[in-house]
Amino acid sequence: MKPVTFLVALLGLTACDAQVESRKAAVPTEQAAPAPAAPLTAAGPAAVVQPDADPNQQWAASVVSVDPLKAQGDRTVKLFGTAGGDPAMNGLYTHVAFFDSPAEGWRVFRIGDVLDYRVLSEAPGRVDLEIDESVMNEASGEIGSRTRRIIVGWAAAADGSVPATVTVTPAQ
């Protein structure tokens, strides 16, 4: 008897909303869900790809966030985070990286081990971040959390070379 009662209640509630169709028509096209794309059709033989055997490439799989910095002129700069620390105490190794050249690659500076970061603002030679991180109360041994702000800065070289150092300054 209970399944029948449930079905009658469901039908009754459905009947109460007679204007649902008129509201569907009122949803703007840009808010409507996009139509699913048709699956692709193969147009040639498949290429077999083997796993990368270079152990130096393993770190690339741990990248979990990338934020290109756009206000750095001609210099290519990005923030990125890699997973790899203790997830109970932070675990997002946060870096700022500067592209030097195809021959030299990237110059990477580790700026912290945090839970998460957000870019607040950016200007040439600097990026302001809000950091969420785990902290341990030494007296009780309990893990808590805090949010703080930092300024990551570097001097732009006159010759356009990547910076030799980066500073991390507490901020308000």
C-alpha atoms as a PDB file:
ATOM      1  CA  MET A   1       0.000   0.000   0.000  1.00  0.00           C
ATOM      2  CA  LYS A   2       2.894   2.422   0.731  1.00  0.00           C
ATOM      3  CA  PRO A   3       4.285   2.399  -2.849  1.00  0.00           C
ATOM      4  CA  VAL A   4       0.804   3.261  -4.164  1.00  0.00           C
ATOM      5  CA  THR A   5       0.448   6.101  -1.622  1.00  0.00           C
ATOM      6  CA  PHE A   6       3.840   7.468  -2.650  1.00  0.00           C
ATOM      7  CA  LEU A   7       2.920   7.313  -6.337  1.00  0.00           C
ATOM      8  CA  VAL A   8      -0.415   9.102  -5.747  1.00  0.00           C
ATOM      9  CA  ALA A   9       1.347  11.828  -3.724  1.00  0.00           C
ATOM     10  CA  LEU A  10       3.971  12.265  -6.445  1.00  0.00           C
ATOM     11  CA  LEU A  11       1.323  12.529  -9.162  1.00  0.00           C
ATOM     12  CA  GLY A  12      -0.631  15.009  -7.045  1.00  0.00           C
ATOM     13  CA  LEU A  13       2.406  17.235  -6.533  1.00  0.00           C
ATOM     14  CA  THR A  14       3.215  17.103 -10.229  1.00  0.00           C
ATOM     15  CA  ALA A  15      -0.321  18.133 -11.141  1.00  0.00           C
ATOM     16  CA  CYS A  16      -0.098  21.149  -8.794  1.00  0.00           C
ATOM     17  CA  ASP A  17       2.566  22.768 -10.982  1.00  0.00           C
ATOM     18  CA  ALA A  18       0.676  23.346 -14.218  1.00  0.00           C
ATOM     19  CA  GLN A  19       2.875  26.244 -15.369  1.00  0.00           C
ATOM     20  CA  VAL A  20       6.186  24.370 -15.538  1.00  0.00           C
ATOM     21  CA  GLU A  21       6.100  24.304 -19.356  1.00  0.00           C
ATOM     22  CA  SER A  22       5.608  28.073 -19.599  1.00  0.00           C
ATOM     23  CA  ARG A  23       8.574  28.639 -17.249  1.00  0.00           C
ATOM     24  CA  LYS A  24      10.784  26.344 -19.369  1.00  0.00           C
ATOM     25  CA  ALA A  25      10.054  28.535 -22.384  1.00  0.00           C
ATOM     26  CA  ALA A  26      11.010  31.642 -20.384  1.00  0.00           C
ATOM     27  CA  VAL A  27      14.583  30.441 -19.675  1.00  0.00           C
ATOM     28  CA  PRO A  28      16.970  32.516 -21.849  1.00  0.00           C
ATOM     29  CA  THR A  29      18.848  30.518 -24.473  1.00  0.00           C
ATOM     30  CA  GLU A  30      22.257  31.380 -22.944  1.00  0.00           C
ATOM     31  CA  GLN A  31      21.163  29.796 -19.640  1.00  0.00           C
ATOM     32  CA  ALA A  32      19.864  26.614 -21.239  1.00  0.00           C
ATOM     33  CA  ALA A  33      22.134  23.586 -21.047  1.00  0.00           C
ATOM     34  CA  PRO A  34      24.190  23.180 -24.222  1.00  0.00           C
ATOM     35  CA  ALA A  35      23.269  20.331 -26.496  1.00  0.00           C
ATOM     36  CA  PRO A  36      25.627  17.380 -26.034  1.00  0.00           C
ATOM     37  CA  ALA A  37      28.249  17.099 -28.764  1.00  0.00           C
ATOM     38  CA  ALA A  38      28.096  14.118 -31.051  1.00  0.00           C
ATOM     39  CA  PRO A  39      30.897  11.588 -30.480  1.00  0.00           C
ATOM     40  CA  LEU A  40      33.816  11.854 -32.893  1.00  0.00           C
ATOM     41  CA  THR A  41      34.327   9.274 -35.606  1.00  0.00           C
ATOM     42  CA  ALA A  42      37.802   7.800 -36.182  1.00  0.00           C
ATOM     43  CA  ALA A  43      39.443   9.106 -39.357  1.00  0.00           C
ATOM     44  CA  GLY A  44      42.604   6.999 -39.428  1.00  0.00           C
ATOM     45  CA  PRO A  45      44.535   4.370 -37.508  1.00  0.00           C
ATOM     46  CA  ALA A  46      45.106   4.839 -33.768  1.00  0.00           C
ATOM     47  CA  ALA A  47      48.626   5.589 -32.547  1.00  0.00           C
ATOM     48  CA  VAL A  48      49.801   3.605 -29.520  1.00  0.00           C
ATOM     49  CA  VAL A  49      51.366   5.783 -26.799  1.00  0.00           C
ATOM     50  CA  GLN A  50      53.656   4.264 -24.173  1.00  0.00           C
ATOM     51  CA  PRO A  51      54.087   5.682 -20.653  1.00  0.00           C
ATOM     52  CA  ASP A  52      56.922   8.162 -20.232  1.00  0.00           C
ATOM     53  CA  ALA A  53      59.944   6.195 -19.020  1.00  0.00           C
ATOM     54  CA  ASP A  54      61.804   9.298 -17.807  1.00  0.00           C
ATOM     55  CA  PRO A  55      61.508   9.335 -13.975  1.00  0.00           C
ATOM     56  CA  ASN A  56      62.180  13.089 -14.070  1.00  0.00           C
ATOM     57  CA  GLN A  57      58.758  13.562 -15.672  1.00  0.00           C
ATOM     58  CA  GLN A  58      56.827  12.029 -12.759  1.00  0.00           C
ATOM     59  CA  TRP A  59      56.446  15.390 -11.000  1.00  0.00           C
ATOM     60  CA  ALA A  60      54.412  16.730 -13.924  1.00  0.00           C
ATOM     61  CA  ALA A  61      51.506  14.448 -13.036  1.00  0.00           C
ATOM     62  CA  SER A  62      51.268  16.031  -9.579  1.00  0.00           C
ATOM     63  CA  VAL A  63      50.541  19.559 -10.885  1.00  0.00           C
ATOM     64  CA  VAL A  64      47.057  20.422  -9.622  1.00  0.00           C
ATOM     65  CA  SER A  65      46.774  24.156 -10.305  1.00  0.00           C
ATOM     66  CA  VAL A  66      48.282  26.632 -12.770  1.00  0.00           C
ATOM     67  CA  ASP A  67      47.767  30.400 -12.829  1.00  0.00           C
ATOM     68  CA  PRO A  68      49.484  32.291 -15.662  1.00  0.00           C
ATOM     69  CA  LEU A  69      50.501  35.804 -14.582  1.00  0.00           C
ATOM     70  CA  LYS A  70      49.481  38.261 -17.300  1.00  0.00           C
ATOM     71  CA  ALA A  71      50.949  41.586 -16.086  1.00  0.00           C
ATOM     72  CA  GLN A  72      54.616  40.658 -16.493  1.00  0.00           C
ATOM     73  CA  GLY A  73      55.308  42.242 -19.878  1.00  0.00           C
ATOM     74  CA  ASP A  74      57.164  40.002 -22.310  1.00  0.00           C
ATOM     75  CA  ARG A  75      58.246  37.594 -19.557  1.00  0.00           C
ATOM     76  CA  THR A  76      56.267  34.322 -19.227  1.00  0.00           C
ATOM     77  CA  VAL A  77      55.535  33.787 -15.522  1.00  0.00           C
ATOM     78  CA  LYS A  78      53.151  31.403 -13.785  1.00  0.00           C
ATOM     79  CA  LEU A  79      52.149  30.240 -10.337  1.00  0.00           C
ATOM     80  CA  PHE A  80      51.541  26.548  -9.937  1.00  0.00           C
ATOM     81  CA  GLY A  81      50.868  24.040  -7.199  1.00  0.00           C
ATOM     82  CA  THR A  82      51.883  20.410  -6.979  1.00  0.00           C
ATOM     83  CA  ALA A  83      50.323  17.830  -4.686  1.00  0.00           C
ATOM     84  CA  GLY A  84      52.824  15.841  -2.753  1.00  0.00           C
ATOM     85  CA  GLY A  85      52.978  16.889   0.831  1.00  0.00           C
ATOM     86  CA  ASP A  86      51.127  15.509   3.823  1.00  0.00           C
ATOM     87  CA  PRO A  87      47.427  16.153   3.029  1.00  0.00           C
ATOM     88  CA  ALA A  88      46.674  16.413   6.755  1.00  0.00           C
ATOM     89  CA  MET A  89      49.100  19.367   7.015  1.00  0.00           C
ATOM     90  CA  ASN A  90      48.930  21.494   3.876  1.00  0.00           C
ATOM     91  CA  GLY A  91      50.264  19.481   0.915  1.00  0.00           C
ATOM     92  CA  LEU A  92      50.093  21.968  -1.979  1.00  0.00           C
ATOM     93  CA  TYR A  93      53.675  22.882  -2.824  1.00  0.00           C
ATOM     94  CA  THR A  94      53.289  26.331  -4.359  1.00  0.00           C
ATOM     95  CA  HIS A  95      55.781  27.702  -6.897  1.00  0.00           C
ATOM     96  CA  VAL A  96      56.390  30.722  -9.103  1.00  0.00           C
ATOM     97  CA  ALA A  97      58.161  29.941 -12.370  1.00  0.00           C
ATOM     98  CA  PHE A  98      59.793  32.115 -15.014  1.00  0.00           C
ATOM     99  CA  PHE A  99      60.402  30.882 -18.547  1.00  0.00           C
ATOM    100  CA  ASP A 100      64.008  31.575 -19.512  1.00  0.00           C
ATOM    101  CA  SER A 101      64.460  30.098 -22.982  1.00  0.00           C
ATOM    102  CA  PRO A 102      63.873  26.869 -24.881  1.00  0.00           C
ATOM    103  CA  ALA A 103      67.435  25.830 -24.052  1.00  0.00           C
ATOM    104  CA  GLU A 104      67.256  26.741 -20.357  1.00  0.00           C
ATOM    105  CA  GLY A 105      63.603  25.985 -19.644  1.00  0.00           C
ATOM    106  CA  TRP A 106      61.953  27.311 -16.494  1.00  0.00           C
ATOM    107  CA  ARG A 107      63.496  28.823 -13.362  1.00  0.00           C
ATOM    108  CA  VAL A 108      61.254  27.637 -10.514  1.00  0.00           C
ATOM    109  CA  PHE A 109      61.037  29.025  -6.959  1.00  0.00           C
ATOM    110  CA  ARG A 110      59.099  27.194  -4.246  1.00  0.00           C
ATOM    111  CA  ILE A 111      57.221  29.781  -2.204  1.00  0.00           C
ATOM    112  CA  GLY A 112      55.366  27.577   0.248  1.00  0.00           C
ATOM    113  CA  ASP A 113      53.558  24.427   1.349  1.00  0.00           C
ATOM    114  CA  VAL A 114      49.910  25.418   1.812  1.00  0.00           C
ATOM    115  CA  LEU A 115      46.338  24.113   1.550  1.00  0.00           C
ATOM    116  CA  ASP A 116      45.352  26.548  -1.206  1.00  0.00           C
ATOM    117  CA  TYR A 117      46.193  29.955  -2.651  1.00  0.00           C
ATOM    118  CA  ARG A 118      44.272  32.679  -4.460  1.00  0.00           C
ATOM    119  CA  VAL A 119      45.718  35.441  -6.619  1.00  0.00           C
ATOM    120  CA  LEU A 120      44.432  38.745  -5.224  1.00  0.00           C
ATOM    121  CA  SER A 121      46.248  41.103  -7.579  1.00  0.00           C
ATOM    122  CA  GLU A 122      49.212  41.293  -9.890  1.00  0.00           C
ATOM    123  CA  ALA A 123      51.574  44.002 -11.106  1.00  0.00           C
ATOM    124  CA  PRO A 124      54.931  43.877 -12.910  1.00  0.00           C
ATOM    125  CA  GLY A 125      57.427  42.160 -10.608  1.00  0.00           C
ATOM    126  CA  ARG A 126      54.863  41.101  -8.012  1.00  0.00           C
ATOM    127  CA  VAL A 127      51.812  39.018  -7.213  1.00  0.00           C
ATOM    128  CA  ASP A 128      49.660  39.313  -4.074  1.00  0.00           C
ATOM    129  CA  LEU A 129      48.302  36.030  -2.718  1.00  0.00           C
ATOM    130  CA  GLU A 130      45.866  34.898  -0.061  1.00  0.00           C
ATOM    131  CA  ILE A 131      47.052  31.643   1.484  1.00  0.00           C
ATOM    132  CA  ASP A 132      45.023  29.043   3.389  1.00  0.00           C
ATOM    133  CA  GLU A 133      47.217  26.787   5.473  1.00  0.00           C
ATOM    134  CA  SER A 134      47.185  24.253   8.269  1.00  0.00           C
ATOM    135  CA  VAL A 135      48.899  25.167  11.527  1.00  0.00           C
ATOM    136  CA  MET A 136      49.666  22.987  14.518  1.00  0.00           C
ATOM    137  CA  ASN A 137      49.086  24.135  18.061  1.00  0.00           C
ATOM    138  CA  GLU A 138      52.331  22.996  19.683  1.00  0.00           C
ATOM    139  CA  ALA A 139      50.785  22.888  23.176  1.00  0.00           C
ATOM    140  CA  SER A 140      47.772  20.725  22.308  1.00  0.00           C
ATOM    141  CA  GLY A 141      49.026  18.998  19.166  1.00  0.00           C
ATOM    142  CA  GLU A 142      45.790  19.928  17.377  1.00  0.00           C
ATOM    143  CA  ILE A 143      45.770  21.011  13.752  1.00  0.00           C
ATOM    144  CA  GLY A 144      43.919  24.223  12.953  1.00  0.00           C
ATOM    145  CA  SER A 145      43.836  26.518   9.979  1.00  0.00           C
ATOM    146  CA  ARG A 146      44.543  30.128   9.150  1.00  0.00           C
ATOM    147  CA  THR A 147      44.356  32.480   6.218  1.00  0.00           C
ATOM    148  CA  ARG A 148      47.120  34.957   5.578  1.00  0.00           C
ATOM    149  CA  ARG A 149      48.337  37.201   2.789  1.00  0.00           C
ATOM    150  CA  ILE A 150      51.733  37.451   1.179  1.00  0.00           C
ATOM    151  CA  ILE A 151      53.466  39.503  -1.495  1.00  0.00           C
ATOM    152  CA  VAL A 152      55.665  37.505  -3.859  1.00  0.00           C
ATOM    153  CA  GLY A 153      58.097  39.896  -5.510  1.00  0.00           C
ATOM    154  CA  TRP A 154      61.072  39.916  -7.857  1.00  0.00           C
ATOM    155  CA  ALA A 155      63.238  42.479  -9.571  1.00  0.00           C
ATOM    156  CA  ALA A 156      62.796  42.666 -13.312  1.00  0.00           C
ATOM    157  CA  ALA A 157      66.259  42.660 -14.882  1.00  0.00           C
ATOM    158  CA  ALA A 158      67.052  45.411 -17.379  1.00  0.00           C
ATOM    159  CA  ASP A 159      68.363  42.818 -19.851  1.00  0.00           C
ATOM    160  CA  GLY A 160      65.107  40.819 -19.626  1.00  0.00           C
ATOM    161  CA  SER A 161      66.702  37.817 -17.920  1.00  0.00           C
ATOM    162  CA  VAL A 162      64.824  35.811 -15.308  1.00  0.00           C
ATOM    163  CA  PRO A 163      65.250  36.915 -11.695  1.00  0.00           C
ATOM    164  CA  ALA A 164      67.951  35.309  -9.578  1.00  0.00           C
ATOM    165  CA  THR A 165      65.812  35.492  -6.423  1.00  0.00           C
ATOM    166  CA  VAL A 166      62.213  35.959  -5.313  1.00  0.00           C
ATOM    167  CA  THR A 167      61.006  37.470  -2.042  1.00  0.00           C
ATOM    168  CA  VAL A 168      58.001  36.390   0.028  1.00  0.00           C
ATOM    169  CA  THR A 169      56.754  39.140   2.354  1.00  0.00           C
ATOM    170  CA  PRO A 170      53.902  38.903   4.893  1.00  0.00           C
ATOM    171  CA  ALA A 171      51.116  41.365   4.058  1.00  0.00           C
ATOM    172  CA  GLN A 172      47.801  42.727   5.298  1.00  0.00           C
END
